[in-house]
Amino acid sequence: MENKLSFYNTLTKKVEQFIPNIDGKAAMYTCGPTVYHYAHIGNLRCYIMEDLLEKTLRYIGYDVKRVMNITDVGHLSSDADTGEDKMLKGAKREHKTVLEIARFYTDAFFEDCRKLNIKTPDVVEPATNCITEFIHMIEVLIEKGYAYKSGGNIYFDTSRLQEYYVFSSQSEKELLVGVRDDVDVDENKKNKSDFVLWFTKSKFADQELKWESPWGIGYPGWHIECSCISMKHLGEYMDIHCGGVDNIFPHHTNEIAQSESYIGHKWCNYWFHVHHLNDITGKMSKSKGDFLTVSLLESKGYNPVVYRFFCLQSHYRKPLEFSYEVLDNMSAAYDKLIKKIGMLDKTGAIDSDKFALYKEKFASALCDDLNSSMAITVLYDMLKDDISDSTKYALAESFDEVLSLDLTTAYAAKEAENAIDSELESYVLARIEERTAAKKAKDFAKADAIRNELLEKGIVLEDTREGVKWKKA
């Protein structure tokens, strides 16, 4: 392959060239959502950047197999296995069953991904599909002496490891603050850093989803999911594991501990982590109550792809601050960009040399630690260059295999929508004029019929002192 991708490996704490276990192939795993609520746009920033990584790999010639879990059981409100189960919390909030909540918010998550042009992973596996795999891994860990039973639960014994805190140079004491052990101390643990592999009914009496196991009726801990699901579909050697920086400890730390203890060798070579999206109050979180979703942005008139454009203008390893002012600027810039591309004359010949030159520049930017901002700069530079419109259009189409910004389709779609809106406006104004005439003639039945006809078409009329106003329902 001509282009060699390098990106920051959290495990080694440096930017490294990607060398897969099998030449030309990339085994990639993404930590999926816990489907107890809508994803906020901070969550989705992470999935956008992981999507960028996958599409970059494909763009430069790798055969990628990407797997993602769906957490529909086992994730407690603290990542350190304390508090209430998030799925149960969602079910109580909406007076539904856990499975109903899981189905609804799984569908909502993938609908958000569709709007943001995030490719669905090759394999998507709910945790509840893999109970047999979880139990088997735990049995092996117990047999090898890496796990123990205490208080009805099965715990991983971190004291058996030569190195547990593989991602950090921080002290054990500092990291334990991150798991909030001062809030809810589990007296069943031998060591504060031990974590739950399997909960029995002793944990939560009202837990809805439970399964038979050698240790009693119960359910898996959150950390066991990704280890088993990734091995089920990618085998014992994985190339890239992705997630947000908040997954580094304890979730990904625990994944490595249990996975490598189970298989007896190194599990994953590269760890790719995306930094937080913040607003003026700090990191976005569902626990704050009101949170920003794709649907909320749409309700305010924003195209979801503009949010993707906003994310791609920043580096995945830097915190990104959201504001509507910045999004307004991004929206204006995006509209100008797609108009410029949409107005290109596509009929001429393509300059193969220029095409190859700019494609190489674009790929090189992405291969330099996924510098998406520089890749977009290459796009703008290309559009300013004195090359044929058809070459520019072909390059925009090529770049969009990775950027996924609808570069060559959005302008035409917008023009078509505007044409429809113009026709609709003419039609509605004509019907309002007819209704006004009917009311003057005291033909109120006809006036009401016109109002109802428009309402059926999704048009709401409002009689005001200034006249009749209308809007889409």
Protein backbone atom coordinates (compact mmCIF):
# COMPACT_ATOMS: atom_id res chain seq x y z
CA MET A 1 0.00 0.00 0.00
CA GLU A 2 1.30 3.45 -0.93
CA ASN A 3 -0.03 5.25 2.13
CA LYS A 4 0.91 4.16 5.64
CA LEU A 5 -1.56 5.20 8.32
CA SER A 6 -0.23 6.45 11.64
CA PHE A 7 -2.33 7.41 14.66
CA TYR A 8 -1.97 7.83 18.41
CA ASN A 9 -1.88 4.53 20.27
CA THR A 10 -3.08 5.11 23.84
CA LEU A 11 -1.36 1.91 24.94
CA THR A 12 2.13 3.08 23.94
CA LYS A 13 1.35 6.80 24.36
CA LYS A 14 2.75 7.77 20.97
CA VAL A 15 1.79 8.11 17.31
CA GLU A 16 2.62 4.84 15.58
CA GLN A 17 2.41 3.44 12.09
CA PHE A 18 -0.43 0.95 11.82
CA ILE A 19 0.84 -2.57 11.11
CA PRO A 20 -1.98 -5.13 11.18
CA ASN A 21 -1.70 -8.74 12.32
CA ILE A 22 -2.64 -9.88 8.81
CA ASP A 23 -1.27 -7.86 5.90
CA GLY A 24 -3.97 -5.88 4.11
CA LYS A 25 -6.65 -6.59 6.70
CA ALA A 26 -7.80 -4.58 9.74
CA ALA A 27 -9.72 -6.16 12.62
CA MET A 28 -11.45 -3.25 14.36
CA TYR A 29 -13.72 -3.10 17.40
CA THR A 30 -15.90 -0.24 18.62
CA CYS A 31 -17.45 0.08 22.07
CA GLY A 32 -21.14 0.48 21.25
CA PRO A 33 -23.86 2.42 23.06
CA THR A 34 -25.68 1.51 26.25
CA VAL A 35 -29.18 1.79 24.84
CA TYR A 36 -31.08 3.26 27.77
CA HIS A 37 -31.52 6.76 26.32
CA TYR A 38 -30.86 8.80 23.19
CA ALA A 39 -27.21 9.33 22.25
CA HIS A 40 -26.13 12.93 22.79
CA ILE A 41 -23.95 14.67 20.25
CA GLY A 42 -20.92 14.19 22.51
CA ASN A 43 -21.34 10.42 22.23
CA LEU A 44 -21.80 10.77 18.51
CA ARG A 45 -18.58 12.76 18.05
CA CYS A 46 -16.76 9.59 19.09
CA TYR A 47 -18.64 7.47 16.53
CA ILE A 48 -18.01 10.06 13.79
CA MET A 49 -14.24 9.93 14.39
CA GLU A 50 -14.25 6.11 14.57
CA ASP A 51 -16.17 6.14 11.28
CA LEU A 52 -13.46 8.40 9.86
CA LEU A 53 -10.80 5.90 10.96
CA GLU A 54 -12.63 2.96 9.37
CA LYS A 55 -13.25 4.81 6.10
CA THR A 56 -9.63 6.01 5.96
CA LEU A 57 -8.46 2.42 6.31
CA ARG A 58 -10.76 1.35 3.49
CA TYR A 59 -9.74 4.36 1.36
CA ILE A 60 -6.06 3.45 1.45
CA GLY A 61 -6.79 -0.17 0.62
CA TYR A 62 -7.39 -2.18 3.78
CA ASP A 63 -10.02 -4.89 4.04
CA VAL A 64 -11.73 -3.85 7.28
CA LYS A 65 -13.93 -5.94 9.53
CA ARG A 66 -15.47 -3.77 12.19
CA VAL A 67 -17.47 -5.14 15.13
CA MET A 68 -19.58 -3.23 17.65
CA ASN A 69 -21.50 -4.34 20.72
CA ILE A 70 -24.85 -3.07 21.94
CA THR A 71 -24.97 -2.88 25.74
CA ASP A 72 -28.49 -3.92 26.69
CA VAL A 73 -27.60 -5.37 30.10
CA GLY A 74 -24.95 -5.02 32.79
CA HIS A 75 -23.79 -1.38 32.59
CA LEU A 76 -24.26 0.26 35.97
CA SER A 77 -24.60 4.02 36.47
CA SER A 78 -20.99 4.13 37.63
CA ASP A 79 -18.43 2.64 35.25
CA ALA A 80 -16.85 1.05 38.35
CA ASP A 81 -19.74 -1.42 38.84
CA THR A 82 -21.67 0.66 41.36
CA GLY A 83 -25.10 2.24 41.34
CA GLU A 84 -28.22 1.28 39.42
CA ASP A 85 -28.24 -0.65 36.15
CA LYS A 86 -28.61 1.90 33.33
CA MET A 87 -31.06 -0.25 31.37
CA LEU A 88 -33.27 -0.75 34.43
CA LYS A 89 -33.07 2.98 35.11
CA GLY A 90 -34.32 3.68 31.57
CA ALA A 91 -37.14 1.13 31.90
CA LYS A 92 -38.32 2.69 35.17
CA ARG A 93 -38.16 6.19 33.68
CA GLU A 94 -40.43 5.27 30.77
CA HIS A 95 -42.51 2.50 32.39
CA LYS A 96 -41.43 -0.05 29.80
CA THR A 97 -39.60 -3.36 29.90
CA VAL A 98 -35.83 -3.38 29.54
CA LEU A 99 -36.09 -5.12 26.17
CA GLU A 100 -38.57 -2.52 24.91
CA ILE A 101 -36.18 0.23 25.98
CA ALA A 102 -33.25 -1.56 24.32
CA ARG A 103 -35.10 -1.99 21.00
CA PHE A 104 -36.32 1.62 20.91
CA TYR A 105 -32.99 3.26 21.71
CA THR A 106 -31.00 0.88 19.50
CA ASP A 107 -33.18 1.95 16.57
CA ALA A 108 -32.84 5.61 17.62
CA PHE A 109 -29.04 5.29 17.77
CA PHE A 110 -28.76 3.86 14.27
CA GLU A 111 -31.17 6.48 12.93
CA ASP A 112 -28.85 9.17 14.33
CA CYS A 113 -25.90 7.39 12.72
CA ARG A 114 -27.73 7.33 9.38
CA LYS A 115 -28.34 11.09 9.58
CA LEU A 116 -24.65 11.65 10.34
CA ASN A 117 -23.50 9.32 7.52
CA ILE A 118 -21.87 6.94 10.00
CA LYS A 119 -21.47 3.52 8.42
CA THR A 120 -23.07 0.65 10.33
CA PRO A 121 -20.31 -1.75 11.49
CA ASP A 122 -20.03 -5.09 9.69
CA VAL A 123 -21.15 -6.90 12.85
CA VAL A 124 -23.44 -5.48 15.55
CA GLU A 125 -23.99 -7.81 18.51
CA PRO A 126 -26.24 -7.15 21.54
CA ALA A 127 -24.80 -8.33 24.85
CA THR A 128 -27.91 -10.39 25.56
CA ASN A 129 -27.02 -12.62 22.57
CA CYS A 130 -23.76 -13.75 24.18
CA ILE A 131 -24.55 -14.98 27.69
CA THR A 132 -23.06 -18.42 26.89
CA GLU A 133 -19.77 -16.80 25.80
CA PHE A 134 -19.64 -14.64 28.94
CA ILE A 135 -20.16 -17.62 31.22
CA HIS A 136 -17.47 -19.65 29.42
CA MET A 137 -14.87 -16.88 29.73
CA ILE A 138 -15.63 -16.46 33.43
CA GLU A 139 -15.34 -20.22 34.00
CA VAL A 140 -11.88 -20.21 32.37
CA LEU A 141 -10.78 -17.20 34.44
CA ILE A 142 -11.86 -18.95 37.64
CA GLU A 143 -10.07 -22.14 36.56
CA LYS A 144 -6.87 -20.16 35.88
CA GLY A 145 -7.07 -18.43 39.26
CA TYR A 146 -7.86 -14.95 37.92
CA ALA A 147 -11.37 -14.75 39.35
CA TYR A 148 -13.11 -15.52 42.64
CA LYS A 149 -16.59 -15.70 44.13
CA SER A 150 -17.53 -13.37 46.96
CA GLY A 151 -20.90 -12.26 48.28
CA GLY A 152 -22.65 -14.05 45.46
CA ASN A 153 -20.76 -12.20 42.72
CA ILE A 154 -17.77 -13.25 40.61
CA TYR A 155 -14.86 -10.79 40.62
CA PHE A 156 -11.68 -10.48 38.59
CA ASP A 157 -8.63 -10.49 40.88
CA THR A 158 -6.39 -7.64 39.69
CA SER A 159 -3.68 -8.57 42.21
CA ARG A 160 -2.83 -11.58 40.00
CA LEU A 161 -1.54 -9.25 37.26
CA GLN A 162 2.01 -7.97 36.99
CA GLU A 163 0.63 -4.75 35.48
CA TYR A 164 -2.99 -3.67 35.73
CA TYR A 165 -2.87 0.08 35.00
CA VAL A 166 -1.57 -0.40 31.47
CA PHE A 167 -2.82 2.90 30.04
CA SER A 168 -1.64 5.34 32.68
CA SER A 169 1.39 6.55 34.55
CA GLN A 170 -0.92 7.83 37.27
CA SER A 171 -0.74 6.27 40.69
CA GLU A 172 -3.21 3.62 41.77
CA LYS A 173 -4.67 6.05 44.30
CA GLU A 174 -5.32 8.71 41.63
CA LEU A 175 -7.01 6.23 39.31
CA LEU A 176 -9.25 4.91 42.05
CA VAL A 177 -10.66 8.39 42.49
CA GLY A 178 -11.86 7.99 38.91
CA VAL A 179 -13.92 4.94 39.82
CA ARG A 180 -15.55 6.81 42.70
CA ASP A 181 -14.82 4.15 45.31
CA ASP A 182 -15.60 6.73 47.99
CA VAL A 183 -19.23 6.74 46.86
CA ASP A 184 -20.08 3.06 47.01
CA VAL A 185 -17.50 0.68 48.47
CA ASP A 186 -18.02 -2.98 47.55
CA GLU A 187 -17.01 -4.93 50.65
CA ASN A 188 -16.98 -8.20 48.68
CA LYS A 189 -13.82 -7.23 46.77
CA LYS A 190 -10.39 -8.47 47.84
CA ASN A 191 -8.81 -5.41 46.21
CA LYS A 192 -10.35 -2.01 45.47
CA SER A 193 -9.50 -2.33 41.79
CA ASP A 194 -11.18 -5.74 41.36
CA PHE A 195 -14.23 -5.70 39.12
CA VAL A 196 -17.39 -7.72 38.64
CA LEU A 197 -17.59 -10.40 35.97
CA TRP A 198 -20.99 -11.74 37.00
CA PHE A 199 -23.68 -10.38 39.31
CA THR A 200 -26.10 -12.75 40.99
CA LYS A 201 -29.57 -11.95 42.31
CA SER A 202 -27.88 -10.69 45.48
CA LYS A 203 -26.97 -7.45 43.67
CA PHE A 204 -30.39 -6.14 42.59
CA ALA A 205 -33.62 -7.85 43.56
CA ASP A 206 -35.55 -6.02 40.82
CA GLN A 207 -33.14 -6.81 37.98
CA GLU A 208 -35.33 -7.73 35.01
CA LEU A 209 -32.91 -9.71 32.82
CA LYS A 210 -31.32 -12.73 34.55
CA TRP A 211 -29.84 -16.01 33.38
CA GLU A 212 -28.89 -19.34 34.90
CA SER A 213 -25.17 -19.70 35.57
CA PRO A 214 -22.85 -22.02 37.56
CA TRP A 215 -22.86 -19.33 40.29
CA GLY A 216 -26.60 -18.75 40.52
CA ILE A 217 -29.18 -16.74 38.60
CA GLY A 218 -27.71 -13.42 37.56
CA TYR A 219 -26.33 -11.29 34.75
CA PRO A 220 -22.93 -10.25 33.34
CA GLY A 221 -20.85 -7.26 34.32
CA TRP A 222 -20.34 -4.57 31.69
CA HIS A 223 -16.61 -5.09 31.06
CA ILE A 224 -16.92 -8.77 30.03
CA GLU A 225 -19.10 -7.87 27.02
CA CYS A 226 -16.54 -6.31 24.71
CA SER A 227 -13.92 -8.98 25.37
CA CYS A 228 -16.25 -11.83 24.44
CA ILE A 229 -18.04 -10.15 21.55
CA SER A 230 -14.79 -9.05 19.90
CA MET A 231 -13.23 -12.52 20.24
CA LYS A 232 -16.40 -14.16 18.92
CA HIS A 233 -16.15 -12.21 15.65
CA LEU A 234 -12.48 -11.17 15.35
CA GLY A 235 -10.62 -13.96 17.11
CA GLU A 236 -7.89 -13.75 19.76
CA TYR A 237 -5.79 -11.16 17.90
CA MET A 238 -7.32 -7.75 17.31
CA ASP A 239 -5.76 -4.77 15.54
CA ILE A 240 -7.66 -1.68 16.75
CA HIS A 241 -9.99 -1.10 19.70
CA CYS A 242 -11.90 2.22 19.70
CA GLY A 243 -13.77 4.26 22.27
CA GLY A 244 -14.06 7.58 24.06
CA VAL A 245 -11.35 8.75 26.47
CA ASP A 246 -13.77 8.12 29.34
CA ASN A 247 -13.60 4.40 28.46
CA ILE A 248 -9.85 4.18 29.11
CA PHE A 249 -10.29 3.56 32.82
CA PRO A 250 -11.76 1.41 34.12
CA HIS A 251 -13.56 -0.14 31.12
CA HIS A 252 -10.73 -0.69 28.64
CA THR A 253 -8.23 -1.35 31.41
CA ASN A 254 -10.51 -4.15 32.63
CA GLU A 255 -11.03 -5.50 29.13
CA ILE A 256 -7.29 -5.97 28.68
CA ALA A 257 -6.93 -7.55 32.13
CA GLN A 258 -9.59 -10.22 31.59
CA SER A 259 -8.91 -10.82 27.87
CA GLU A 260 -5.17 -11.39 28.16
CA SER A 261 -5.61 -13.48 31.30
CA TYR A 262 -8.12 -15.62 29.39
CA ILE A 263 -6.13 -16.10 26.15
CA GLY A 264 -2.63 -15.98 27.63
CA HIS A 265 -1.11 -13.49 25.16
CA LYS A 266 -1.37 -9.88 23.99
CA TRP A 267 -4.88 -9.16 22.74
CA CYS A 268 -5.01 -5.81 20.93
CA ASN A 269 -2.12 -3.79 19.48
CA TYR A 270 -3.68 -0.36 18.93
CA TRP A 271 -6.08 1.63 21.13
CA PHE A 272 -7.83 4.61 19.53
CA HIS A 273 -9.55 7.08 21.85
CA VAL A 274 -11.59 10.17 21.00
CA HIS A 275 -11.66 13.17 23.32
CA HIS A 276 -14.78 14.77 24.82
CA LEU A 277 -17.17 17.25 23.28
CA ASN A 278 -17.77 20.05 25.78
CA ASP A 279 -20.20 22.91 26.06
CA ILE A 280 -19.64 26.01 28.17
CA THR A 281 -20.54 24.01 31.31
CA GLY A 282 -18.03 21.22 30.60
CA LYS A 283 -18.30 17.62 29.31
CA MET A 284 -21.67 16.67 27.85
CA SER A 285 -23.47 14.04 29.88
CA LYS A 286 -26.88 12.44 30.04
CA SER A 287 -26.83 12.79 33.82
CA LYS A 288 -27.30 16.56 33.43
CA GLY A 289 -30.92 16.00 32.39
CA ASP A 290 -31.37 18.06 29.21
CA PHE A 291 -28.80 17.15 26.60
CA LEU A 292 -28.15 17.87 22.96
CA THR A 293 -29.32 15.27 20.47
CA VAL A 294 -29.36 15.08 16.68
CA SER A 295 -33.15 15.47 16.77
CA LEU A 296 -32.81 18.67 18.82
CA LEU A 297 -30.37 20.10 16.27
CA GLU A 298 -32.81 19.19 13.47
CA SER A 299 -35.67 20.89 15.33
CA LYS A 300 -33.57 24.07 15.37
CA GLY A 301 -33.12 23.86 11.59
CA TYR A 302 -29.63 22.36 11.39
CA ASN A 303 -28.66 19.67 8.89
CA PRO A 304 -27.07 16.84 10.96
CA VAL A 305 -24.27 16.57 8.38
CA VAL A 306 -23.21 20.10 9.41
CA TYR A 307 -22.47 18.68 12.86
CA ARG A 308 -20.27 16.03 11.23
CA PHE A 309 -18.52 18.83 9.28
CA PHE A 310 -17.98 20.64 12.59
CA CYS A 311 -16.42 17.54 14.18
CA LEU A 312 -14.13 16.91 11.21
CA GLN A 313 -12.70 20.43 11.49
CA SER A 314 -11.09 19.44 14.80
CA HIS A 315 -8.60 16.73 15.75
CA TYR A 316 -9.97 13.65 17.51
CA ARG A 317 -7.37 13.96 20.30
CA LYS A 318 -8.43 17.49 21.26
CA PRO A 319 -11.46 18.50 23.35
CA LEU A 320 -14.03 20.22 21.15
CA GLU A 321 -16.33 22.95 22.46
CA PHE A 322 -19.83 23.15 21.05
CA SER A 323 -21.83 26.34 20.64
CA TYR A 324 -24.69 27.31 18.36
CA GLU A 325 -22.67 30.30 17.15
CA VAL A 326 -19.93 27.99 15.87
CA LEU A 327 -22.53 25.65 14.34
CA ASP A 328 -24.11 28.62 12.55
CA ASN A 329 -20.70 29.45 11.05
CA MET A 330 -20.22 25.81 10.05
CA SER A 331 -23.66 25.74 8.45
CA ALA A 332 -22.88 28.82 6.35
CA ALA A 333 -19.48 27.41 5.33
CA TYR A 334 -21.05 24.05 4.44
CA ASP A 335 -23.73 25.68 2.28
CA LYS A 336 -21.06 27.61 0.35
CA LEU A 337 -18.97 24.48 -0.07
CA ILE A 338 -21.73 22.27 -1.44
CA LYS A 339 -22.95 25.06 -3.72
CA LYS A 340 -19.46 25.45 -5.18
CA ILE A 341 -19.25 21.71 -5.85
CA GLY A 342 -22.85 21.50 -7.05
CA MET A 343 -22.25 24.23 -9.66
CA LEU A 344 -19.28 22.40 -11.21
CA ASP A 345 -19.57 21.27 -14.84
CA LYS A 346 -19.15 17.49 -14.70
CA THR A 347 -19.08 16.84 -18.44
CA GLY A 348 -15.40 17.42 -19.31
CA ALA A 349 -12.42 15.08 -19.23
CA ILE A 350 -10.69 14.22 -15.96
CA ASP A 351 -7.03 15.17 -15.59
CA SER A 352 -5.60 11.89 -14.29
CA ASP A 353 -2.33 13.44 -13.10
CA LYS A 354 -4.07 16.14 -11.05
CA PHE A 355 -6.55 13.59 -9.78
CA ALA A 356 -3.74 11.33 -8.53
CA LEU A 357 -1.83 14.29 -7.04
CA TYR A 358 -4.74 15.56 -4.95
CA LYS A 359 -5.89 12.10 -3.93
CA GLU A 360 -2.36 11.49 -2.61
CA LYS A 361 -2.41 14.81 -0.70
CA PHE A 362 -5.81 13.96 0.80
CA ALA A 363 -4.76 10.45 1.85
CA SER A 364 -1.48 11.77 3.28
CA ALA A 365 -3.34 14.23 5.51
CA LEU A 366 -5.55 11.46 6.86
CA CYS A 367 -2.63 9.10 7.32
CA ASP A 368 -0.93 11.72 9.50
CA ASP A 369 -2.80 10.84 12.72
CA LEU A 370 -6.19 11.30 11.02
CA ASN A 371 -5.73 15.00 10.38
CA SER A 372 -9.26 15.55 9.10
CA SER A 373 -8.93 19.33 9.28
CA MET A 374 -5.96 19.20 6.91
CA ALA A 375 -7.87 16.79 4.65
CA ILE A 376 -10.65 19.38 4.38
CA THR A 377 -8.01 22.05 3.64
CA VAL A 378 -6.83 19.84 0.75
CA LEU A 379 -10.43 19.81 -0.49
CA TYR A 380 -10.61 23.62 -0.45
CA ASP A 381 -7.18 23.97 -2.08
CA MET A 382 -8.25 21.59 -4.82
CA LEU A 383 -11.42 23.60 -5.52
CA LYS A 384 -9.34 26.80 -5.86
CA ASP A 385 -6.85 25.22 -8.24
CA ASP A 386 -6.88 25.88 -11.97
CA ILE A 387 -8.03 22.42 -13.00
CA SER A 388 -11.11 21.26 -14.88
CA ASP A 389 -14.50 21.21 -13.19
CA SER A 390 -14.89 17.54 -13.98
CA THR A 391 -11.59 16.75 -12.21
CA LYS A 392 -12.69 18.79 -9.19
CA TYR A 393 -16.04 17.01 -9.09
CA ALA A 394 -14.41 13.57 -9.36
CA LEU A 395 -12.02 14.42 -6.53
CA ALA A 396 -14.84 15.74 -4.32
CA GLU A 397 -16.67 12.49 -4.95
CA SER A 398 -13.54 10.52 -4.06
CA PHE A 399 -12.83 12.51 -0.88
CA ASP A 400 -16.42 12.01 0.23
CA GLU A 401 -15.81 8.28 0.52
CA VAL A 402 -14.11 9.25 3.79
CA LEU A 403 -15.55 12.64 4.74
CA SER A 404 -19.15 11.52 4.10
CA LEU A 405 -20.45 15.09 3.85
CA ASP A 406 -22.76 14.58 0.84
CA LEU A 407 -20.40 16.83 -1.10
CA THR A 408 -21.72 15.94 -4.55
CA THR A 409 -25.38 15.35 -3.71
CA ALA A 410 -26.40 17.90 -1.05
CA TYR A 411 -26.69 20.95 -3.31
CA ALA A 412 -28.96 19.26 -5.84
CA ALA A 413 -31.11 17.89 -3.02
CA LYS A 414 -31.36 21.34 -1.45
CA GLU A 415 -32.32 22.93 -4.76
CA ALA A 416 -34.99 20.29 -5.28
CA GLU A 417 -36.32 20.91 -1.76
CA ASN A 418 -36.39 24.66 -2.38
CA ALA A 419 -38.30 24.10 -5.63
CA ILE A 420 -40.84 21.98 -3.79
CA ASP A 421 -41.14 24.62 -1.06
CA SER A 422 -41.69 27.30 -3.70
CA GLU A 423 -44.45 25.28 -5.36
CA LEU A 424 -45.96 24.53 -1.95
CA GLU A 425 -45.95 28.21 -1.00
CA SER A 426 -47.75 29.18 -4.21
CA TYR A 427 -50.34 26.47 -3.65
CA VAL A 428 -50.94 27.39 0.01
CA LEU A 429 -51.23 31.12 -0.72
CA ALA A 430 -53.78 30.40 -3.46
CA ARG A 431 -55.86 28.25 -1.10
CA ILE A 432 -55.66 30.91 1.63
CA GLU A 433 -56.98 33.46 -0.89
CA GLU A 434 -59.87 31.12 -1.74
CA ARG A 435 -60.59 30.62 1.97
CA THR A 436 -60.58 34.38 2.61
CA ALA A 437 -63.05 34.88 -0.27
CA ALA A 438 -65.25 32.07 1.10
CA LYS A 439 -65.32 33.69 4.54
CA LYS A 440 -66.26 37.07 3.03
CA ALA A 441 -69.10 35.32 1.21
CA LYS A 442 -70.06 33.71 4.55
CA ASP A 443 -69.44 30.27 3.04
CA PHE A 444 -67.91 28.99 6.29
CA ALA A 445 -68.31 25.36 5.30
CA LYS A 446 -66.00 25.90 2.31
CA ALA A 447 -63.55 27.91 4.46
CA ASP A 448 -63.41 25.09 7.01
CA ALA A 449 -63.00 22.50 4.25
CA ILE A 450 -59.98 24.40 2.86
CA ARG A 451 -58.44 24.63 6.35
CA ASN A 452 -58.95 20.87 6.88
CA GLU A 453 -57.59 20.04 3.42
CA LEU A 454 -54.38 21.99 4.18
CA LEU A 455 -54.12 20.40 7.60
CA GLU A 456 -54.22 16.95 6.01
CA LYS A 457 -51.26 18.05 3.86
CA GLY A 458 -49.36 19.10 6.99
CA ILE A 459 -50.10 22.85 6.74
CA VAL A 460 -51.41 24.72 9.78
CA LEU A 461 -53.24 28.02 9.32
CA GLU A 462 -53.34 30.73 11.97
CA ASP A 463 -55.71 33.71 11.77
CA THR A 464 -54.02 36.82 13.19
CA ARG A 465 -54.67 40.59 13.17
CA GLU A 466 -52.02 40.89 10.48
CA GLY A 467 -53.75 38.29 8.33
CA VAL A 468 -53.52 34.53 7.82
CA LYS A 469 -50.16 32.92 8.60
CA TRP A 470 -49.18 29.36 7.76
CA LYS A 471 -46.53 26.85 8.77
CA LYS A 472 -45.68 23.19 8.32
CA ALA A 473 -47.05 21.02 11.13
